[in-house]
Every structure is written in C-alpha cells, then in structure tokens.
C-alpha cells in the first residue's frame, strides 16, 4: 500500500485480510503486516534472491525517499532469471 503522496505504507496479505474480514468490525488498517522489509531500487539482484525466496508476499521496492516503486515476487524473479533479462 502507499499513501496519496506515493510513500510506501505497508502490505496486506490475503491471510490477514481474510482474518480481519471475519472479525466483528473489520478494518483494513488492522490487516497490515507489521515490519515488512523493503528494498531500495538500487539493491543488486544477487542481494534480493534470499529475501524474495524467503518472503510469502512480493517484496516492496522503494526509492531513497521511501516512495513505492513496485514489488518483486518469487514468480517475477524466477521468470527473469530463466529468461536471462
């Protein structure tokens, strides 16, 4: 998720959202995952491999001002490595 000015705010997973929706008064804010690790856009690809492999959700990519630029999923990383891009 990102704020209106583009800054990264956090991640909501399918599991946390489903759990929150089962509650008495579901609130989107309560579905956020705490302490999600982000990577800077300048991070070398070899430094991302273990993080992407060990994370259940796509890893958020931010710039130096913590603006959300996108995310790297396992599938995207594997697809890119196989193609050699």
PDB file of N, CA and C in Angstrom:
ATOM      1  N   UNK A   1       0.843  -1.171   0.000  1.00  0.00           N
ATOM      2  CA  UNK A   1       0.000   0.000   0.000  1.00  0.00           C
ATOM      3  C   UNK A   1       0.892   1.239   0.000  1.00  0.00           C
ATOM      4  N   UNK A   2       0.352   2.303  -0.526  1.00  0.00           N
ATOM      5  CA  UNK A   2       1.097   3.549  -0.497  1.00  0.00           C
ATOM      6  C   UNK A   2       0.152   4.690  -0.164  1.00  0.00           C
ATOM      7  N   UNK A   3       0.730   5.749   0.360  1.00  0.00           N
ATOM      8  CA  UNK A   3      -0.048   6.918   0.717  1.00  0.00           C
ATOM      9  C   UNK A   3      -0.380   7.706  -0.542  1.00  0.00           C
ATOM     10  N   UNK A   4      -1.179   8.742  -0.406  1.00  0.00           N
ATOM     11  CA  UNK A   4      -1.547   9.561  -1.561  1.00  0.00           C
ATOM     12  C   UNK A   4      -0.340  10.216  -2.204  1.00  0.00           C
ATOM     13  N   UNK A   5       0.702  10.486  -1.420  1.00  0.00           N
ATOM     14  CA  UNK A   5       1.900  11.103  -1.993  1.00  0.00           C
ATOM     15  C   UNK A   5       2.906  10.067  -2.501  1.00  0.00           C
ATOM     16  N   UNK A   6       2.505   8.787  -2.534  1.00  0.00           N
ATOM     17  CA  UNK A   6       3.334   7.747  -3.130  1.00  0.00           C
ATOM     18  C   UNK A   6       4.263   7.020  -2.187  1.00  0.00           C
ATOM     19  N   UNK A   7       4.298   7.391  -0.912  1.00  0.00           N
ATOM     20  CA  UNK A   7       5.191   6.731   0.037  1.00  0.00           C
ATOM     21  C   UNK A   7       4.637   5.360   0.432  1.00  0.00           C
ATOM     22  N   UNK A   8       5.564   4.409   0.599  1.00  0.00           N
ATOM     23  CA  UNK A   8       5.185   3.049   0.986  1.00  0.00           C
ATOM     24  C   UNK A   8       4.626   3.057   2.396  1.00  0.00           C
ATOM     25  N   UNK A   9       3.497   2.386   2.575  1.00  0.00           N
ATOM     26  CA  UNK A   9       2.851   2.342   3.882  1.00  0.00           C
ATOM     27  C   UNK A   9       2.843   0.945   4.491  1.00  0.00           C
ATOM     28  N   UNK A  10       2.738  -0.083   3.681  1.00  0.00           N
ATOM     29  CA  UNK A  10       2.735  -1.429   4.224  1.00  0.00           C
ATOM     30  C   UNK A  10       2.131  -2.422   3.264  1.00  0.00           C
ATOM     31  N   UNK A  11       1.993  -3.662   3.750  1.00  0.00           N
ATOM     32  CA  UNK A  11       1.499  -4.772   2.939  1.00  0.00           C
ATOM     33  C   UNK A  11       0.350  -5.439   3.672  1.00  0.00           C
ATOM     34  N   UNK A  12      -0.645  -5.846   2.895  1.00  0.00           N
ATOM     35  CA  UNK A  12      -1.756  -6.640   3.405  1.00  0.00           C
ATOM     36  C   UNK A  12      -1.715  -7.959   2.655  1.00  0.00           C
ATOM     37  N   UNK A  13      -1.735  -9.057   3.386  1.00  0.00           N
ATOM     38  CA  UNK A  13      -1.739 -10.365   2.732  1.00  0.00           C
ATOM     39  C   UNK A  13      -3.171 -10.885   2.653  1.00  0.00           C
ATOM     40  N   UNK A  14      -3.366 -11.884   1.825  1.00  0.00           N
ATOM     41  CA  UNK A  14      -4.684 -12.500   1.718  1.00  0.00           C
ATOM     42  C   UNK A  14      -5.104 -13.064   3.074  1.00  0.00           C
ATOM     43  N   UNK A  15      -4.169 -13.682   3.781  1.00  0.00           N
ATOM     44  CA  UNK A  15      -4.459 -14.282   5.076  1.00  0.00           C
ATOM     45  C   UNK A  15      -4.897 -13.233   6.097  1.00  0.00           C
ATOM     46  N   UNK A  16      -4.149 -12.131   6.198  1.00  0.00           N
ATOM     47  CA  UNK A  16      -4.507 -11.116   7.195  1.00  0.00           C
ATOM     48  C   UNK A  16      -5.814 -10.418   6.833  1.00  0.00           C
ATOM     49  N   UNK A  17      -6.064 -10.231   5.547  1.00  0.00           N
ATOM     50  CA  UNK A  17      -7.314  -9.598   5.132  1.00  0.00           C
ATOM     51  C   UNK A  17      -8.504 -10.520   5.412  1.00  0.00           C
ATOM     52  N   UNK A  18      -8.370 -11.803   5.086  1.00  0.00           N
ATOM     53  CA  UNK A  18      -9.448 -12.760   5.373  1.00  0.00           C
ATOM     54  C   UNK A  18      -9.723 -12.839   6.871  1.00  0.00           C
ATOM     55  N   UNK A  19      -8.665 -12.859   7.676  1.00  0.00           N
ATOM     56  CA  UNK A  19      -8.831 -12.908   9.134  1.00  0.00           C
ATOM     57  C   UNK A  19      -9.567 -11.664   9.635  1.00  0.00           C
ATOM     58  N   UNK A  20      -9.193 -10.508   9.126  1.00  0.00           N
ATOM     59  CA  UNK A  20      -9.826  -9.267   9.561  1.00  0.00           C
ATOM     60  C   UNK A  20     -11.294  -9.213   9.137  1.00  0.00           C
ATOM     61  N   UNK A  21     -11.603  -9.709   7.947  1.00  0.00           N
ATOM     62  CA  UNK A  21     -12.982  -9.683   7.465  1.00  0.00           C
ATOM     63  C   UNK A  21     -13.910 -10.581   8.282  1.00  0.00           C
ATOM     64  N   UNK A  22     -13.339 -11.551   8.984  1.00  0.00           N
ATOM     65  CA  UNK A  22     -14.139 -12.436   9.840  1.00  0.00           C
ATOM     66  C   UNK A  22     -14.429 -11.809  11.203  1.00  0.00           C
ATOM     67  N   UNK A  23     -13.774 -10.702  11.510  1.00  0.00           N
ATOM     68  CA  UNK A  23     -13.956 -10.051  12.804  1.00  0.00           C
ATOM     69  C   UNK A  23     -15.268  -9.294  12.891  1.00  0.00           C
ATOM     70  N   UNK A  24     -15.626  -8.844  14.103  1.00  0.00           N
ATOM     71  CA  UNK A  24     -16.899  -8.156  14.313  1.00  0.00           C
ATOM     72  C   UNK A  24     -16.997  -6.803  13.599  1.00  0.00           C
ATOM     73  N   UNK A  25     -15.910  -6.072  13.522  1.00  0.00           N
ATOM     74  CA  UNK A  25     -15.891  -4.779  12.840  1.00  0.00           C
ATOM     75  C   UNK A  25     -14.612  -4.692  12.013  1.00  0.00           C
ATOM     76  N   UNK A  26     -14.613  -5.317  10.838  1.00  0.00           N
ATOM     77  CA  UNK A  26     -13.389  -5.362  10.026  1.00  0.00           C
ATOM     78  C   UNK A  26     -12.902  -3.969   9.636  1.00  0.00           C
ATOM     79  N   UNK A  27     -11.609  -3.786   9.789  1.00  0.00           N
ATOM     80  CA  UNK A  27     -10.980  -2.536   9.381  1.00  0.00           C
ATOM     81  C   UNK A  27      -9.725  -2.881   8.589  1.00  0.00           C
ATOM     82  N   UNK A  28      -9.604  -2.270   7.439  1.00  0.00           N
ATOM     83  CA  UNK A  28      -8.478  -2.541   6.552  1.00  0.00           C
ATOM     84  C   UNK A  28      -7.143  -2.311   7.255  1.00  0.00           C
ATOM     85  N   UNK A  29      -7.058  -1.267   8.044  1.00  0.00           N
ATOM     86  CA  UNK A  29      -5.801  -0.916   8.734  1.00  0.00           C
ATOM     87  C   UNK A  29      -5.311  -2.064   9.616  1.00  0.00           C
ATOM     88  N   UNK A  30      -6.227  -2.865  10.137  1.00  0.00           N
ATOM     89  CA  UNK A  30      -5.845  -3.968  11.016  1.00  0.00           C
ATOM     90  C   UNK A  30      -5.287  -5.172  10.258  1.00  0.00           C
ATOM     91  N   UNK A  31      -5.401  -5.163   8.944  1.00  0.00           N
ATOM     92  CA  UNK A  31      -4.893  -6.278   8.136  1.00  0.00           C
ATOM     93  C   UNK A  31      -3.443  -6.071   7.700  1.00  0.00           C
ATOM     94  N   UNK A  32      -2.874  -4.900   7.980  1.00  0.00           N
ATOM     95  CA  UNK A  32      -1.486  -4.639   7.595  1.00  0.00           C
ATOM     96  C   UNK A  32      -0.538  -5.564   8.338  1.00  0.00           C
ATOM     97  N   UNK A  33       0.493  -6.022   7.629  1.00  0.00           N
ATOM     98  CA  UNK A  33       1.540  -6.841   8.235  1.00  0.00           C
ATOM     99  C   UNK A  33       2.574  -5.917   8.876  1.00  0.00           C
ATOM    100  N   UNK A  34       2.975  -6.213  10.091  1.00  0.00           N
ATOM    101  CA  UNK A  34       3.981  -5.376  10.746  1.00  0.00           C
ATOM    102  C   UNK A  34       5.381  -5.680  10.226  1.00  0.00           C
ATOM    103  N   UNK A  35       6.205  -4.677  10.207  1.00  0.00           N
ATOM    104  CA  UNK A  35       7.641  -4.847   9.928  1.00  0.00           C
ATOM    105  C   UNK A  35       7.962  -5.536   8.608  1.00  0.00           C
ATOM    106  N   UNK A  36       7.298  -5.139   7.546  1.00  0.00           N
ATOM    107  CA  UNK A  36       7.604  -5.693   6.231  1.00  0.00           C
ATOM    108  C   UNK A  36       8.891  -5.056   5.719  1.00  0.00           C
ATOM    109  N   UNK A  37       9.801  -5.896   5.297  1.00  0.00           N
ATOM    110  CA  UNK A  37      11.088  -5.396   4.807  1.00  0.00           C
ATOM    111  C   UNK A  37      10.943  -4.899   3.374  1.00  0.00           C
ATOM    112  N   UNK A  38      11.502  -3.729   3.115  1.00  0.00           N
ATOM    113  CA  UNK A  38      11.529  -3.176   1.765  1.00  0.00           C
ATOM    114  C   UNK A  38      12.960  -3.232   1.247  1.00  0.00           C
ATOM    115  N   UNK A  39      13.105  -3.071  -0.058  1.00  0.00           N
ATOM    116  CA  UNK A  39      14.439  -2.967  -0.649  1.00  0.00           C
ATOM    117  C   UNK A  39      14.480  -1.686  -1.468  1.00  0.00           C
ATOM    118  N   UNK A  40      15.659  -1.118  -1.536  1.00  0.00           N
ATOM    119  CA  UNK A  40      15.872   0.072  -2.337  1.00  0.00           C
ATOM    120  C   UNK A  40      16.035  -0.340  -3.796  1.00  0.00           C
ATOM    121  N   UNK A  41      15.594   0.519  -4.690  1.00  0.00           N
ATOM    122  CA  UNK A  41      15.676   0.224  -6.126  1.00  0.00           C
ATOM    123  C   UNK A  41      17.105  -0.020  -6.593  1.00  0.00           C
ATOM    124  N   UNK A  42      18.085   0.481  -5.861  1.00  0.00           N
ATOM    125  CA  UNK A  42      19.488   0.308  -6.248  1.00  0.00           C
ATOM    126  C   UNK A  42      20.097  -0.992  -5.721  1.00  0.00           C
ATOM    127  N   UNK A  43      19.323  -1.804  -5.030  1.00  0.00           N
ATOM    128  CA  UNK A  43      19.827  -3.058  -4.469  1.00  0.00           C
ATOM    129  C   UNK A  43      20.203  -4.021  -5.595  1.00  0.00           C
ATOM    130  N   UNK A  44      21.402  -4.586  -5.550  1.00  0.00           N
ATOM    131  CA  UNK A  44      21.808  -5.548  -6.582  1.00  0.00           C
ATOM    132  C   UNK A  44      20.918  -6.793  -6.561  1.00  0.00           C
ATOM    133  N   UNK A  45      20.671  -7.361  -7.708  1.00  0.00           N
ATOM    134  CA  UNK A  45      19.790  -8.525  -7.822  1.00  0.00           C
ATOM    135  C   UNK A  45      20.269  -9.674  -6.951  1.00  0.00           C
ATOM    136  N   UNK A  46      21.581  -9.938  -6.915  1.00  0.00           N
ATOM    137  CA  UNK A  46      22.067 -11.064  -6.108  1.00  0.00           C
ATOM    138  C   UNK A  46      21.729 -10.890  -4.626  1.00  0.00           C
ATOM    139  N   UNK A  47      21.570  -9.662  -4.178  1.00  0.00           N
ATOM    140  CA  UNK A  47      21.220  -9.405  -2.780  1.00  0.00           C
ATOM    141  C   UNK A  47      19.731  -9.633  -2.505  1.00  0.00           C
ATOM    142  N   UNK A  48      18.928  -9.727  -3.551  1.00  0.00           N
ATOM    143  CA  UNK A  48      17.485  -9.918  -3.402  1.00  0.00           C
ATOM    144  C   UNK A  48      17.070 -11.381  -3.363  1.00  0.00           C
ATOM    145  N   UNK A  49      17.896 -12.254  -3.897  1.00  0.00           N
ATOM    146  CA  UNK A  49      17.497 -13.647  -4.082  1.00  0.00           C
ATOM    147  C   UNK A  49      16.990 -14.302  -2.807  1.00  0.00           C
ATOM    148  N   UNK A  50      17.744 -14.261  -1.742  1.00  0.00           N
ATOM    149  CA  UNK A  50      17.342 -14.920  -0.492  1.00  0.00           C
ATOM    150  C   UNK A  50      16.099 -14.263   0.095  1.00  0.00           C
ATOM    151  N   UNK A  51      16.044 -12.943   0.062  1.00  0.00           N
ATOM    152  CA  UNK A  51      14.890 -12.240   0.627  1.00  0.00           C
ATOM    153  C   UNK A  51      13.611 -12.596  -0.130  1.00  0.00           C
ATOM    154  N   UNK A  52      13.653 -12.544  -1.433  1.00  0.00           N
ATOM    155  CA  UNK A  52      12.473 -12.862  -2.236  1.00  0.00           C
ATOM    156  C   UNK A  52      12.073 -14.323  -2.041  1.00  0.00           C
ATOM    157  N   UNK A  53      13.041 -15.212  -1.970  1.00  0.00           N
ATOM    158  CA  UNK A  53      12.754 -16.637  -1.782  1.00  0.00           C
ATOM    159  C   UNK A  53      12.122 -16.934  -0.429  1.00  0.00           C
ATOM    160  N   UNK A  54      12.484 -16.165   0.596  1.00  0.00           N
ATOM    161  CA  UNK A  54      12.016 -16.432   1.952  1.00  0.00           C
ATOM    162  C   UNK A  54      10.781 -15.634   2.363  1.00  0.00           C
ATOM    163  N   UNK A  55      10.226 -14.833   1.470  1.00  0.00           N
ATOM    164  CA  UNK A  55       9.105 -13.970   1.818  1.00  0.00           C
ATOM    165  C   UNK A  55       7.838 -14.476   1.147  1.00  0.00           C
ATOM    166  N   UNK A  56       6.740 -14.529   1.914  1.00  0.00           N
ATOM    167  CA  UNK A  56       5.477 -15.054   1.408  1.00  0.00           C
ATOM    168  C   UNK A  56       4.786 -14.117   0.430  1.00  0.00           C
ATOM    169  N   UNK A  57       5.103 -12.858   0.455  1.00  0.00           N
ATOM    170  CA  UNK A  57       4.458 -11.858  -0.390  1.00  0.00           C
ATOM    171  C   UNK A  57       5.524 -11.160  -1.221  1.00  0.00           C
ATOM    172  N   UNK A  58       5.129 -10.456  -2.272  1.00  0.00           N
ATOM    173  CA  UNK A  58       6.114  -9.710  -3.053  1.00  0.00           C
ATOM    174  C   UNK A  58       6.849  -8.683  -2.195  1.00  0.00           C
ATOM    175  N   UNK A  59       8.134  -8.533  -2.437  1.00  0.00           N
ATOM    176  CA  UNK A  59       8.969  -7.607  -1.668  1.00  0.00           C
ATOM    177  C   UNK A  59       8.809  -6.199  -2.252  1.00  0.00           C
ATOM    178  N   UNK A  60       8.373  -5.230  -1.426  1.00  0.00           N
ATOM    179  CA  UNK A  60       8.201  -3.860  -1.913  1.00  0.00           C
ATOM    180  C   UNK A  60       9.539  -3.204  -2.255  1.00  0.00           C
ATOM    181  N   UNK A  61       9.563  -2.487  -3.373  1.00  0.00           N
ATOM    182  CA  UNK A  61      10.742  -1.751  -3.811  1.00  0.00           C
ATOM    183  C   UNK A  61      10.440  -0.259  -3.656  1.00  0.00           C
ATOM    184  N   UNK A  62      11.354   0.448  -2.980  1.00  0.00           N
ATOM    185  CA  UNK A  62      11.170   1.876  -2.732  1.00  0.00           C
ATOM    186  C   UNK A  62      12.408   2.648  -3.182  1.00  0.00           C
ATOM    187  N   UNK A  63      12.223   3.967  -3.349  1.00  0.00           N
ATOM    188  CA  UNK A  63      13.372   4.811  -3.672  1.00  0.00           C
ATOM    189  C   UNK A  63      13.955   5.377  -2.370  1.00  0.00           C
ATOM    190  N   UNK A  64      14.903   6.278  -2.489  1.00  0.00           N
ATOM    191  CA  UNK A  64      15.572   6.836  -1.309  1.00  0.00           C
ATOM    192  C   UNK A  64      14.644   7.623  -0.401  1.00  0.00           C
ATOM    193  N   UNK A  65      13.521   8.110  -0.947  1.00  0.00           N
ATOM    194  CA  UNK A  65      12.540   8.852  -0.148  1.00  0.00           C
ATOM    195  C   UNK A  65      11.414   7.961   0.349  1.00  0.00           C
ATOM    196  N   UNK A  66      11.582   6.661   0.211  1.00  0.00           N
ATOM    197  CA  UNK A  66      10.608   5.642   0.620  1.00  0.00           C
ATOM    198  C   UNK A  66       9.334   5.685  -0.219  1.00  0.00           C
ATOM    199  N   UNK A  67       9.439   6.199  -1.442  1.00  0.00           N
ATOM    200  CA  UNK A  67       8.316   6.169  -2.367  1.00  0.00           C
ATOM    201  C   UNK A  67       8.218   4.775  -2.974  1.00  0.00           C
ATOM    202  N   UNK A  68       7.021   4.240  -3.007  1.00  0.00           N
ATOM    203  CA  UNK A  68       6.781   2.909  -3.538  1.00  0.00           C
ATOM    204  C   UNK A  68       6.968   2.912  -5.048  1.00  0.00           C
ATOM    205  N   UNK A  69       7.824   2.012  -5.539  1.00  0.00           N
ATOM    206  CA  UNK A  69       8.084   1.916  -6.974  1.00  0.00           C
ATOM    207  C   UNK A  69       7.483   0.657  -7.591  1.00  0.00           C
ATOM    208  N   UNK A  70       7.305  -0.366  -6.777  1.00  0.00           N
ATOM    209  CA  UNK A  70       6.780  -1.634  -7.270  1.00  0.00           C
ATOM    210  C   UNK A  70       7.097  -2.741  -6.293  1.00  0.00           C
ATOM    211  N   UNK A  71       7.013  -3.980  -6.752  1.00  0.00           N
ATOM    212  CA  UNK A  71       7.283  -5.124  -5.890  1.00  0.00           C
ATOM    213  C   UNK A  71       7.878  -6.257  -6.723  1.00  0.00           C
ATOM    214  N   UNK A  72       8.678  -7.076  -6.066  1.00  0.00           N
ATOM    215  CA  UNK A  72       9.308  -8.219  -6.727  1.00  0.00           C
ATOM    216  C   UNK A  72       8.772  -9.493  -6.084  1.00  0.00           C
ATOM    217  N   UNK A  73       8.109 -10.307  -6.877  1.00  0.00           N
ATOM    218  CA  UNK A  73       7.579 -11.581  -6.388  1.00  0.00           C
ATOM    219  C   UNK A  73       8.541 -12.709  -6.735  1.00  0.00           C
ATOM    220  N   UNK A  74       8.333 -13.852  -6.120  1.00  0.00           N
ATOM    221  CA  UNK A  74       9.134 -15.032  -6.456  1.00  0.00           C
ATOM    222  C   UNK A  74       8.990 -15.359  -7.938  1.00  0.00           C
ATOM    223  N   UNK A  75       7.746 -15.343  -8.413  1.00  0.00           N
ATOM    224  CA  UNK A  75       7.488 -15.693  -9.810  1.00  0.00           C
ATOM    225  C   UNK A  75       8.204 -14.743 -10.761  1.00  0.00           C
ATOM    226  N   UNK A  76       8.159 -13.455 -10.474  1.00  0.00           N
ATOM    227  CA  UNK A  76       8.831 -12.483 -11.334  1.00  0.00           C
ATOM    228  C   UNK A  76      10.346 -12.695 -11.311  1.00  0.00           C
ATOM    229  N   UNK A  77      10.893 -12.921 -10.132  1.00  0.00           N
ATOM    230  CA  UNK A  77      12.336 -13.139 -10.017  1.00  0.00           C
ATOM    231  C   UNK A  77      12.749 -14.387 -10.802  1.00  0.00           C
ATOM    232  N   UNK A  78      12.022 -15.485 -10.619  1.00  0.00           N
ATOM    233  CA  UNK A  78      12.361 -16.717 -11.335  1.00  0.00           C
ATOM    234  C   UNK A  78      12.199 -16.557 -12.839  1.00  0.00           C
ATOM    235  N   UNK A  79      11.134 -15.923 -13.259  1.00  0.00           N
ATOM    236  CA  UNK A  79      10.904 -15.695 -14.681  1.00  0.00           C
ATOM    237  C   UNK A  79      12.043 -14.880 -15.293  1.00  0.00           C
ATOM    238  N   UNK A  80      12.458 -13.853 -14.591  1.00  0.00           N
ATOM    239  CA  UNK A  80      13.529 -13.001 -15.083  1.00  0.00           C
ATOM    240  C   UNK A  80      14.862 -13.753 -15.147  1.00  0.00           C
ATOM    241  N   UNK A  81      15.152 -14.550 -14.120  1.00  0.00           N
ATOM    242  CA  UNK A  81      16.396 -15.315 -14.107  1.00  0.00           C
ATOM    243  C   UNK A  81      16.435 -16.359 -15.224  1.00  0.00           C
ATOM    244  N   UNK A  82      15.302 -17.020 -15.466  1.00  0.00           N
ATOM    245  CA  UNK A  82      15.241 -18.036 -16.511  1.00  0.00           C
ATOM    246  C   UNK A  82      15.419 -17.412 -17.888  1.00  0.00           C
ATOM    247  N   UNK A  83      14.810 -16.259 -18.102  1.00  0.00           N
ATOM    248  CA  UNK A  83      14.928 -15.571 -19.390  1.00  0.00           C
ATOM    249  C   UNK A  83      16.292 -14.933 -19.566  1.00  0.00           C
ATOM    250  N   UNK A  84      16.955 -14.640 -18.455  1.00  0.00           N
ATOM    251  CA  UNK A  84      18.272 -14.009 -18.533  1.00  0.00           C
ATOM    252  C   UNK A  84      18.217 -12.510 -18.724  1.00  0.00           C
ATOM    253  N   UNK A  85      17.085 -11.876 -18.407  1.00  0.00           N
ATOM    254  CA  UNK A  85      16.941 -10.424 -18.540  1.00  0.00           C
ATOM    255  C   UNK A  85      17.643  -9.693 -17.415  1.00  0.00           C
TER     256      UNK A  85
END
